[in-house]
């Protein structure tokens, strides 16, 4: 059995027209909304300006809040920096005290000058004539000869002396004296 189709020009025109209309309908519906419709209304310039002003206000309020936080953080940071600087100064002062306590320093005394030793100070007279100063609770300890020096007693050079307290004990120069000292002291 044989089926035959006869195609006429009219059928071709009808089919082509249907295809073209279908394409336009599909493309129109694929685009979504039609400008000016309820789904995509036309807007005025004043409406757009109002929305832009609202966005600007929102952005400004956020930046002002952030500016306040940044200012607060910068004040806090400045306070921390001040505390750090203060601690650095304290550390430097403590470092100097430790350095003074751990190293011998050369001191020159003129005749009649006195050195009042701090607590725990170690003294060695290197040259010159000197006498011991007696404090309110005792005198210098002469470690080398294992005795306590009395006020006005001559100090033997190159002997290790220790001041156990900060109570006025020390050394008086009877001539020009060179000594080395580890620890705190004051000169008078």
N, C-alpha and C. Protein backbone atom coordinates (compact mmCIF):
# COMPACT_ATOMS: atom_id res chain seq x y z
N UNK A 1 0.82 -1.14 0.00
CA UNK A 1 0.00 0.00 0.00
C UNK A 1 0.88 1.23 0.00
N UNK A 2 0.49 2.10 -0.77
CA UNK A 2 1.29 3.27 -1.02
C UNK A 2 0.51 4.51 -0.59
N UNK A 3 1.17 5.33 0.25
CA UNK A 3 0.53 6.56 0.73
C UNK A 3 1.20 7.69 -0.04
N UNK A 4 0.39 8.55 -0.47
CA UNK A 4 0.96 9.67 -1.18
C UNK A 4 0.49 10.96 -0.54
N UNK A 5 1.38 11.85 -0.51
CA UNK A 5 1.09 13.17 0.06
C UNK A 5 1.21 14.19 -1.06
N UNK A 6 0.28 15.01 -1.10
CA UNK A 6 0.39 16.08 -2.07
C UNK A 6 0.47 17.39 -1.30
N UNK A 7 1.48 18.09 -1.60
CA UNK A 7 1.72 19.35 -0.92
C UNK A 7 1.40 20.47 -1.90
N UNK A 8 0.57 21.34 -1.38
CA UNK A 8 0.19 22.46 -2.22
C UNK A 8 0.81 23.73 -1.65
N UNK A 9 0.81 24.72 -2.44
CA UNK A 9 1.39 26.00 -2.01
C UNK A 9 0.61 26.57 -0.84
N UNK A 10 -0.65 26.37 -0.80
CA UNK A 10 -1.48 26.89 0.27
C UNK A 10 -1.10 26.23 1.59
N UNK A 11 -0.90 24.92 1.55
CA UNK A 11 -0.51 24.22 2.76
C UNK A 11 0.84 24.74 3.26
N UNK A 12 1.78 24.98 2.37
CA UNK A 12 3.11 25.48 2.76
C UNK A 12 2.98 26.86 3.39
N UNK A 13 2.17 27.73 2.84
CA UNK A 13 1.99 29.08 3.37
C UNK A 13 1.35 29.00 4.76
N UNK A 14 0.36 28.14 4.95
CA UNK A 14 -0.32 28.01 6.24
C UNK A 14 0.65 27.47 7.29
N UNK A 15 1.40 26.44 6.93
CA UNK A 15 2.35 25.84 7.89
C UNK A 15 3.45 26.85 8.24
N UNK A 16 4.00 27.56 7.29
CA UNK A 16 5.05 28.55 7.52
C UNK A 16 4.52 29.67 8.40
N UNK A 17 3.32 30.14 8.15
CA UNK A 17 2.72 31.20 8.95
C UNK A 17 2.54 30.73 10.40
N UNK A 18 2.10 29.51 10.59
CA UNK A 18 1.90 28.95 11.94
C UNK A 18 3.23 28.86 12.68
N UNK A 19 4.26 28.46 11.96
CA UNK A 19 5.60 28.34 12.59
C UNK A 19 6.12 29.72 12.99
N UNK A 20 5.97 30.70 12.14
CA UNK A 20 6.46 32.06 12.43
C UNK A 20 5.70 32.66 13.60
N UNK A 21 4.38 32.49 13.65
CA UNK A 21 3.59 32.99 14.78
C UNK A 21 3.99 32.30 16.08
N UNK A 22 4.24 31.02 16.00
CA UNK A 22 4.68 30.27 17.20
C UNK A 22 6.01 30.81 17.71
N UNK A 23 6.90 31.09 16.80
CA UNK A 23 8.21 31.63 17.20
C UNK A 23 8.05 32.96 17.90
N UNK A 24 7.24 33.87 17.37
CA UNK A 24 7.03 35.18 18.01
C UNK A 24 6.38 35.04 19.39
N UNK A 25 5.43 34.13 19.52
CA UNK A 25 4.77 33.92 20.81
C UNK A 25 5.77 33.36 21.83
N UNK A 26 6.57 32.41 21.41
CA UNK A 26 7.57 31.81 22.32
C UNK A 26 8.61 32.84 22.74
N UNK A 27 9.10 33.63 21.79
CA UNK A 27 10.10 34.66 22.10
C UNK A 27 9.51 35.73 23.02
N UNK A 28 8.31 36.14 22.79
CA UNK A 28 7.65 37.15 23.62
C UNK A 28 7.45 36.66 25.05
N UNK A 29 7.05 35.42 25.19
CA UNK A 29 6.82 34.90 26.53
C UNK A 29 8.15 34.57 27.22
N UNK A 30 9.20 34.27 26.49
CA UNK A 30 10.50 33.97 27.08
C UNK A 30 11.15 35.23 27.64
N UNK A 31 10.88 36.37 27.05
CA UNK A 31 11.45 37.63 27.51
C UNK A 31 10.95 37.96 28.91
N UNK A 32 9.83 37.49 29.31
CA UNK A 32 9.33 37.74 30.65
C UNK A 32 8.22 38.77 30.61
N UNK A 33 8.53 39.94 31.14
CA UNK A 33 7.51 40.96 31.29
C UNK A 33 7.63 42.01 30.20
N UNK A 34 6.55 42.62 29.96
CA UNK A 34 6.50 43.66 28.93
C UNK A 34 6.72 45.00 29.63
N UNK A 35 7.65 45.83 29.14
CA UNK A 35 7.88 47.12 29.78
C UNK A 35 6.60 47.94 29.83
N UNK A 36 6.37 48.55 31.02
CA UNK A 36 5.18 49.36 31.20
C UNK A 36 4.03 48.58 31.76
N UNK A 37 4.12 47.24 31.80
CA UNK A 37 3.03 46.44 32.37
C UNK A 37 3.10 46.50 33.89
N UNK A 38 2.15 45.79 34.53
CA UNK A 38 2.10 45.78 35.99
C UNK A 38 3.34 45.10 36.58
N UNK A 39 3.89 44.11 35.85
CA UNK A 39 5.08 43.43 36.32
C UNK A 39 6.34 44.29 36.14
N UNK A 40 6.38 45.17 35.18
CA UNK A 40 7.52 46.05 34.94
C UNK A 40 7.01 47.45 34.64
N UNK A 41 6.63 48.18 35.73
CA UNK A 41 6.04 49.49 35.49
C UNK A 41 7.10 50.51 35.08
N UNK A 42 6.65 51.53 34.39
CA UNK A 42 7.53 52.65 34.08
C UNK A 42 7.65 53.51 35.32
N UNK A 43 8.82 54.09 35.58
CA UNK A 43 9.03 54.90 36.77
C UNK A 43 9.42 56.31 36.36
N UNK A 44 9.23 57.22 37.30
CA UNK A 44 9.58 58.61 37.04
C UNK A 44 10.96 58.91 37.59
N UNK A 45 11.52 60.01 37.16
CA UNK A 45 12.83 60.43 37.63
C UNK A 45 12.80 60.72 39.13
N UNK A 46 11.72 61.29 39.62
CA UNK A 46 11.63 61.59 41.06
C UNK A 46 11.64 60.30 41.88
N UNK A 47 11.00 59.25 41.38
CA UNK A 47 11.02 57.97 42.07
C UNK A 47 12.45 57.41 42.14
N UNK A 48 13.16 57.47 41.03
CA UNK A 48 14.55 56.99 40.99
C UNK A 48 15.43 57.83 41.92
N UNK A 49 15.25 59.17 41.91
CA UNK A 49 16.03 60.05 42.79
C UNK A 49 15.76 59.73 44.26
N UNK A 50 14.48 59.45 44.57
CA UNK A 50 14.11 59.11 45.95
C UNK A 50 14.82 57.82 46.38
N UNK A 51 14.82 56.82 45.52
CA UNK A 51 15.49 55.56 45.84
C UNK A 51 16.99 55.75 45.99
N UNK A 52 17.58 56.57 45.16
CA UNK A 52 19.02 56.86 45.27
C UNK A 52 19.33 57.56 46.58
N UNK A 53 18.46 58.52 46.97
CA UNK A 53 18.66 59.22 48.25
C UNK A 53 18.54 58.24 49.43
N UNK A 54 17.61 57.30 49.34
CA UNK A 54 17.47 56.30 50.40
C UNK A 54 18.73 55.44 50.51
N UNK A 55 19.26 55.06 49.38
CA UNK A 55 20.50 54.25 49.38
C UNK A 55 21.66 55.06 49.94
N UNK A 56 21.76 56.34 49.55
CA UNK A 56 22.82 57.20 50.08
C UNK A 56 22.70 57.34 51.60
N UNK A 57 21.47 57.54 52.09
CA UNK A 57 21.24 57.67 53.54
C UNK A 57 21.67 56.39 54.26
N UNK A 58 21.31 55.26 53.69
CA UNK A 58 21.69 53.96 54.29
C UNK A 58 23.21 53.81 54.34
N UNK A 59 23.87 54.12 53.25
CA UNK A 59 25.34 54.02 53.19
C UNK A 59 25.98 55.01 54.16
N UNK A 60 25.47 56.25 54.20
CA UNK A 60 26.01 57.26 55.13
C UNK A 60 25.85 56.82 56.58
N UNK A 61 24.69 56.24 56.93
CA UNK A 61 24.48 55.81 58.32
C UNK A 61 25.44 54.68 58.68
N UNK A 62 25.70 53.80 57.75
CA UNK A 62 26.66 52.72 58.01
C UNK A 62 28.07 53.28 58.18
N UNK A 63 28.46 54.20 57.30
CA UNK A 63 29.82 54.75 57.39
C UNK A 63 30.00 55.60 58.64
N UNK A 64 28.93 56.32 59.06
CA UNK A 64 29.04 57.10 60.30
C UNK A 64 29.20 56.18 61.49
N UNK A 65 28.47 55.08 61.51
CA UNK A 65 28.61 54.10 62.59
C UNK A 65 30.01 53.52 62.61
N UNK A 66 30.51 53.20 61.42
CA UNK A 66 31.86 52.66 61.33
C UNK A 66 32.90 53.69 61.72
N UNK A 67 32.65 54.96 61.36
CA UNK A 67 33.59 56.03 61.74
C UNK A 67 33.67 56.15 63.26
N UNK A 68 32.51 56.04 63.92
CA UNK A 68 32.49 56.09 65.38
C UNK A 68 33.27 54.93 65.98
N UNK A 69 33.09 53.74 65.41
CA UNK A 69 33.83 52.57 65.90
C UNK A 69 35.32 52.74 65.67
N UNK A 70 35.70 53.24 64.49
CA UNK A 70 37.11 53.45 64.19
C UNK A 70 37.71 54.47 65.16
N UNK A 71 36.98 55.54 65.45
CA UNK A 71 37.47 56.54 66.42
C UNK A 71 37.63 55.91 67.79
N UNK A 72 36.67 55.09 68.19
CA UNK A 72 36.75 54.42 69.49
C UNK A 72 37.95 53.49 69.53
N UNK A 73 38.15 52.73 68.45
CA UNK A 73 39.29 51.82 68.40
C UNK A 73 40.62 52.58 68.38
N UNK A 74 40.65 53.73 67.72
CA UNK A 74 41.90 54.49 67.68
C UNK A 74 42.22 55.06 69.06
N UNK A 75 41.20 55.46 69.83
CA UNK A 75 41.44 55.93 71.21
C UNK A 75 41.94 54.78 72.06
N UNK A 76 41.32 53.62 71.92
CA UNK A 76 41.76 52.44 72.66
C UNK A 76 43.19 52.08 72.28
N UNK A 77 43.49 52.14 71.00
CA UNK A 77 44.83 51.84 70.53
C UNK A 77 45.84 52.83 71.09
N UNK A 78 45.48 54.10 71.15
CA UNK A 78 46.37 55.12 71.72
C UNK A 78 46.60 54.85 73.21
N UNK A 79 45.55 54.43 73.92
CA UNK A 79 45.72 54.09 75.34
C UNK A 79 46.65 52.90 75.51
N UNK A 80 46.49 51.90 74.66
CA UNK A 80 47.38 50.73 74.72
C UNK A 80 48.82 51.13 74.40
N UNK A 81 48.99 52.02 73.43
CA UNK A 81 50.33 52.47 73.08
C UNK A 81 50.98 53.21 74.24
N UNK A 82 50.18 54.03 74.93
CA UNK A 82 50.68 54.76 76.10
C UNK A 82 51.10 53.78 77.20
N UNK A 83 50.28 52.74 77.40
CA UNK A 83 50.62 51.73 78.40
C UNK A 83 51.89 50.98 78.01
N UNK A 84 52.01 50.67 76.72
CA UNK A 84 53.22 49.99 76.24
C UNK A 84 54.45 50.87 76.44
N UNK A 85 54.33 52.16 76.14
CA UNK A 85 55.46 53.07 76.34
C UNK A 85 55.84 53.14 77.81
N UNK A 86 54.83 53.17 78.69
CA UNK A 86 55.09 53.20 80.13
C UNK A 86 55.79 51.92 80.57
N UNK A 87 55.33 50.79 80.07
CA UNK A 87 55.95 49.50 80.43
C UNK A 87 57.38 49.43 79.88
N UNK A 88 57.59 49.97 78.66
CA UNK A 88 58.94 50.00 78.11
C UNK A 88 59.88 50.82 79.00
N UNK A 89 59.38 51.96 79.51
CA UNK A 89 60.20 52.79 80.41
C UNK A 89 60.50 52.03 81.70
N UNK A 90 59.49 51.32 82.23
CA UNK A 90 59.71 50.54 83.45
C UNK A 90 60.72 49.43 83.20
N UNK A 91 60.62 48.79 82.05
CA UNK A 91 61.55 47.71 81.72
C UNK A 91 62.97 48.27 81.59
N UNK A 92 63.10 49.43 80.95
CA UNK A 92 64.43 50.05 80.82
C UNK A 92 65.01 50.38 82.18
N UNK A 93 64.16 50.89 83.08
CA UNK A 93 64.62 51.23 84.43
C UNK A 93 65.04 49.97 85.18
N UNK A 94 64.24 48.92 85.08
CA UNK A 94 64.59 47.65 85.73
C UNK A 94 65.86 47.05 85.13
N UNK A 95 65.99 47.17 83.82
CA UNK A 95 67.18 46.65 83.14
C UNK A 95 68.44 47.36 83.65
N UNK A 96 68.31 48.70 83.83
CA UNK A 96 69.45 49.46 84.36
C UNK A 96 69.78 49.02 85.78
N UNK A 97 68.74 48.79 86.60
CA UNK A 97 68.97 48.35 87.97
C UNK A 97 69.65 46.98 87.99
N UNK A 98 69.18 46.09 87.13
CA UNK A 98 69.79 44.75 87.07
C UNK A 98 71.23 44.86 86.58
N UNK A 99 71.44 45.70 85.57
CA UNK A 99 72.79 45.90 85.05
C UNK A 99 73.70 46.46 86.14
N UNK A 100 73.19 47.43 86.90
CA UNK A 100 73.98 48.00 88.00
C UNK A 100 74.27 46.94 89.06
N UNK A 101 73.30 46.07 89.30
CA UNK A 101 73.48 45.05 90.33
C UNK A 101 74.43 43.95 89.89
N UNK A 102 74.60 43.75 88.60
CA UNK A 102 75.40 42.63 88.11
C UNK A 102 76.79 43.00 87.59
N UNK A 103 77.06 44.29 87.44
CA UNK A 103 78.37 44.66 86.90
C UNK A 103 79.06 45.64 87.83
N UNK A 104 80.36 45.51 87.91
CA UNK A 104 81.16 46.45 88.70
C UNK A 104 81.36 47.73 87.89
N UNK A 105 81.26 48.84 88.59
CA UNK A 105 81.51 50.15 87.97
C UNK A 105 82.67 50.79 88.71
N UNK A 106 83.50 51.51 87.96
CA UNK A 106 84.63 52.22 88.55
C UNK A 106 84.14 53.57 89.06
N UNK A 107 84.47 53.89 90.31
CA UNK A 107 84.08 55.16 90.91
C UNK A 107 85.33 55.82 91.48
N UNK A 108 85.45 57.13 91.26
CA UNK A 108 86.56 57.90 91.80
C UNK A 108 86.00 58.82 92.89
N UNK A 109 86.62 58.75 94.07
CA UNK A 109 86.23 59.63 95.18
C UNK A 109 87.36 60.62 95.45
N UNK A 110 87.00 61.87 95.67
CA UNK A 110 87.98 62.88 96.06
C UNK A 110 88.10 62.86 97.58
N UNK A 111 89.18 63.40 98.09
CA UNK A 111 89.42 63.42 99.53
C UNK A 111 88.22 64.05 100.24
N UNK A 112 87.72 63.37 101.27
CA UNK A 112 86.60 63.85 102.05
C UNK A 112 85.23 63.42 101.50
N UNK A 113 85.18 62.92 100.29
CA UNK A 113 83.92 62.49 99.68
C UNK A 113 83.50 61.14 100.26
N UNK A 114 82.18 60.93 100.36
CA UNK A 114 81.67 59.67 100.92
C UNK A 114 80.80 58.93 99.89
N UNK A 115 80.88 57.62 99.93
CA UNK A 115 80.04 56.75 99.12
C UNK A 115 79.15 55.98 100.09
N UNK A 116 77.84 56.18 99.99
CA UNK A 116 76.89 55.45 100.80
C UNK A 116 76.38 54.28 99.95
N UNK A 117 76.63 53.07 100.44
CA UNK A 117 76.30 51.87 99.67
C UNK A 117 74.83 51.50 99.84
N UNK A 118 74.26 50.99 98.74
CA UNK A 118 72.90 50.46 98.78
C UNK A 118 72.91 49.04 99.32
N UNK A 119 71.72 48.52 99.62
CA UNK A 119 71.60 47.17 100.15
C UNK A 119 72.16 46.15 99.16
N UNK A 120 73.06 45.30 99.64
CA UNK A 120 73.64 44.25 98.81
C UNK A 120 74.79 44.71 97.93
N UNK A 121 75.22 45.95 98.07
CA UNK A 121 76.32 46.45 97.23
C UNK A 121 77.64 45.77 97.61
N UNK A 122 78.44 45.52 96.57
CA UNK A 122 79.76 44.93 96.76
C UNK A 122 80.80 45.98 96.36
N UNK A 123 81.80 46.19 97.23
CA UNK A 123 82.79 47.24 97.01
C UNK A 123 84.18 46.64 97.13
N UNK A 124 85.08 47.07 96.26
CA UNK A 124 86.50 46.72 96.36
C UNK A 124 87.27 48.02 96.17
N UNK A 125 88.04 48.43 97.20
CA UNK A 125 88.89 49.62 97.10
C UNK A 125 90.12 49.21 96.29
N UNK A 126 90.38 49.91 95.20
CA UNK A 126 91.51 49.57 94.33
C UNK A 126 92.75 50.39 94.66
N UNK A 127 92.58 51.68 95.01
CA UNK A 127 93.75 52.49 95.36
C UNK A 127 93.31 53.65 96.24
N UNK A 128 94.26 54.18 97.02
CA UNK A 128 93.98 55.31 97.90
C UNK A 128 93.71 54.84 99.32
N UNK A 129 93.53 55.83 100.20
CA UNK A 129 93.26 55.52 101.61
C UNK A 129 91.81 55.85 101.90
N UNK A 130 91.11 54.92 102.60
CA UNK A 130 89.70 55.11 102.91
C UNK A 130 89.37 54.51 104.26
N UNK A 131 88.27 54.99 104.84
CA UNK A 131 87.79 54.47 106.11
C UNK A 131 86.33 54.06 105.95
N UNK A 132 85.89 53.21 106.86
CA UNK A 132 84.52 52.69 106.81
C UNK A 132 83.56 53.66 107.48
N UNK A 133 82.38 53.76 106.91
CA UNK A 133 81.27 54.52 107.52
C UNK A 133 80.34 53.50 108.16
N UNK A 134 79.95 53.77 109.39
CA UNK A 134 79.11 52.86 110.14
C UNK A 134 77.66 53.28 109.95
N UNK A 135 76.77 52.33 109.67
CA UNK A 135 75.35 52.61 109.50
C UNK A 135 74.60 52.47 110.82
N UNK A 136 73.31 52.72 110.80
CA UNK A 136 72.51 52.62 112.02
C UNK A 136 72.42 51.20 112.55
N UNK A 137 72.58 50.20 111.71
CA UNK A 137 72.48 48.80 112.14
C UNK A 137 73.79 48.04 112.01
N UNK A 138 74.90 48.71 111.79
CA UNK A 138 76.18 48.01 111.68
C UNK A 138 77.05 48.58 110.58
N UNK A 139 78.17 47.91 110.35
CA UNK A 139 79.12 48.39 109.37
C UNK A 139 79.21 47.48 108.16
N UNK A 140 80.19 47.81 107.31
CA UNK A 140 80.44 47.00 106.12
C UNK A 140 81.05 45.66 106.54
N UNK A 141 80.73 44.62 105.79
CA UNK A 141 81.33 43.31 106.02
C UNK A 141 82.56 43.19 105.14
N UNK A 142 83.72 42.98 105.76
CA UNK A 142 84.96 42.72 105.01
C UNK A 142 85.02 41.21 104.82
N UNK A 143 84.61 40.74 103.67
CA UNK A 143 84.53 39.31 103.40
C UNK A 143 85.92 38.68 103.34
N UNK A 144 86.88 39.41 102.83
CA UNK A 144 88.24 38.88 102.67
C UNK A 144 88.86 38.56 104.03
N UNK A 145 88.68 39.45 105.01
CA UNK A 145 89.27 39.18 106.34
C UNK A 145 88.23 38.66 107.32
N UNK A 146 87.01 38.42 106.88
CA UNK A 146 85.94 37.84 107.68
C UNK A 146 85.67 38.63 108.96
N UNK A 147 85.44 39.95 108.81
CA UNK A 147 85.11 40.76 109.98
C UNK A 147 84.20 41.91 109.58
N UNK A 148 83.59 42.50 110.60
CA UNK A 148 82.70 43.65 110.42
C UNK A 148 83.54 44.89 110.66
N UNK A 149 83.51 45.86 109.73
CA UNK A 149 84.31 47.08 109.89
C UNK A 149 83.55 48.08 110.75
N UNK A 150 84.24 48.71 111.67
CA UNK A 150 83.66 49.71 112.55
C UNK A 150 83.81 51.09 111.90
N UNK A 151 83.04 52.06 112.37
CA UNK A 151 83.12 53.41 111.84
C UNK A 151 84.51 54.00 112.03
N UNK A 152 85.08 54.56 110.96
CA UNK A 152 86.40 55.18 111.01
C UNK A 152 87.55 54.20 110.85
N UNK A 153 87.27 52.91 110.79
CA UNK A 153 88.32 51.90 110.64
C UNK A 153 88.86 51.94 109.21
N UNK A 154 90.19 51.83 109.06
CA UNK A 154 90.83 51.85 107.75
C UNK A 154 90.43 50.61 106.95
N UNK A 155 90.20 50.84 105.66
CA UNK A 155 89.82 49.74 104.77
C UNK A 155 91.06 49.31 104.00
N UNK A 156 91.31 48.00 103.99
CA UNK A 156 92.46 47.45 103.27
C UNK A 156 92.09 47.35 101.79
N UNK A 157 93.00 47.83 100.94
CA UNK A 157 92.75 47.77 99.49
C UNK A 157 92.64 46.32 99.02
N UNK A 158 91.85 46.14 97.98
CA UNK A 158 91.62 44.85 97.32
C UNK A 158 90.89 43.84 98.19
N UNK A 159 90.22 44.29 99.25
CA UNK A 159 89.36 43.41 100.04
C UNK A 159 87.92 43.58 99.55
N UNK A 160 87.18 42.47 99.54
CA UNK A 160 85.78 42.51 99.13
C UNK A 160 84.94 42.96 100.32
N UNK A 161 84.16 44.04 100.11
CA UNK A 161 83.28 44.58 101.15
C UNK A 161 81.83 44.44 100.67
N UNK A 162 80.95 44.13 101.62
CA UNK A 162 79.52 44.02 101.29
C UNK A 162 78.71 44.84 102.28
N UNK A 163 77.76 45.60 101.76
CA UNK A 163 76.82 46.35 102.60
C UNK A 163 75.53 45.53 102.66
N UNK A 164 75.19 45.03 103.84
CA UNK A 164 74.02 44.16 103.95
C UNK A 164 72.71 44.94 103.99
N UNK A 165 72.78 46.23 104.36
CA UNK A 165 71.56 47.05 104.43
C UNK A 165 71.82 48.43 103.84
N UNK A 166 70.74 49.11 103.53
CA UNK A 166 70.81 50.47 103.04
C UNK A 166 70.53 51.40 104.23
N UNK A 167 71.51 51.52 105.13
CA UNK A 167 71.29 52.28 106.37
C UNK A 167 72.39 53.29 106.65
N UNK A 168 73.12 53.71 105.62
CA UNK A 168 74.15 54.73 105.80
C UNK A 168 75.57 54.19 105.84
N UNK A 169 75.75 52.90 105.77
CA UNK A 169 77.11 52.36 105.77
C UNK A 169 77.76 52.59 104.42
N UNK A 170 79.08 52.75 104.43
CA UNK A 170 79.77 53.02 103.18
C UNK A 170 81.24 53.30 103.38
N UNK A 171 81.79 54.15 102.50
CA UNK A 171 83.23 54.41 102.46
C UNK A 171 83.44 55.93 102.45
N UNK A 172 84.46 56.38 103.25
CA UNK A 172 84.88 57.78 103.22
C UNK A 172 86.30 57.83 102.68
N UNK A 173 86.53 58.70 101.71
CA UNK A 173 87.86 58.83 101.09
C UNK A 173 88.73 59.72 101.96
N UNK A 174 89.89 59.20 102.40
CA UNK A 174 90.86 59.97 103.17
C UNK A 174 91.90 60.58 102.23
N UNK A 175 91.94 60.11 101.00
CA UNK A 175 92.75 60.66 99.91
C UNK A 175 91.96 60.37 98.63
N UNK A 176 92.56 60.66 97.49
CA UNK A 176 91.86 60.29 96.27
C UNK A 176 91.77 58.76 96.23
N UNK A 177 90.55 58.25 96.00
CA UNK A 177 90.31 56.80 96.05
C UNK A 177 89.65 56.35 94.74
N UNK A 178 90.13 55.22 94.24
CA UNK A 178 89.47 54.54 93.13
C UNK A 178 88.93 53.22 93.68
N UNK A 179 87.67 52.96 93.40
CA UNK A 179 87.07 51.72 93.86
C UNK A 179 86.17 51.17 92.76
N UNK A 180 85.82 49.91 92.90
CA UNK A 180 84.82 49.35 92.01
C UNK A 180 83.65 48.91 92.88
N UNK A 181 82.45 49.09 92.34
CA UNK A 181 81.25 48.78 93.10
C UNK A 181 80.22 48.11 92.20
N UNK A 182 79.55 47.12 92.76
CA UNK A 182 78.43 46.46 92.09
C UNK A 182 77.21 46.68 92.96
N UNK A 183 76.17 47.29 92.43
CA UNK A 183 74.97 47.58 93.20
C UNK A 183 74.74 49.07 93.29
N UNK A 184 73.71 49.43 94.06
CA UNK A 184 73.35 50.83 94.17
C UNK A 184 74.21 51.59 95.16
N UNK A 185 74.33 52.90 94.93
CA UNK A 185 75.10 53.75 95.84
C UNK A 185 74.75 55.20 95.59
N UNK A 186 75.11 56.04 96.58
CA UNK A 186 75.00 57.49 96.39
C UNK A 186 76.29 58.13 96.85
N UNK A 187 76.64 59.23 96.21
CA UNK A 187 77.86 59.95 96.58
C UNK A 187 77.48 61.22 97.33
N UNK A 188 78.27 61.52 98.38
CA UNK A 188 78.05 62.76 99.16
C UNK A 188 79.35 63.49 99.28
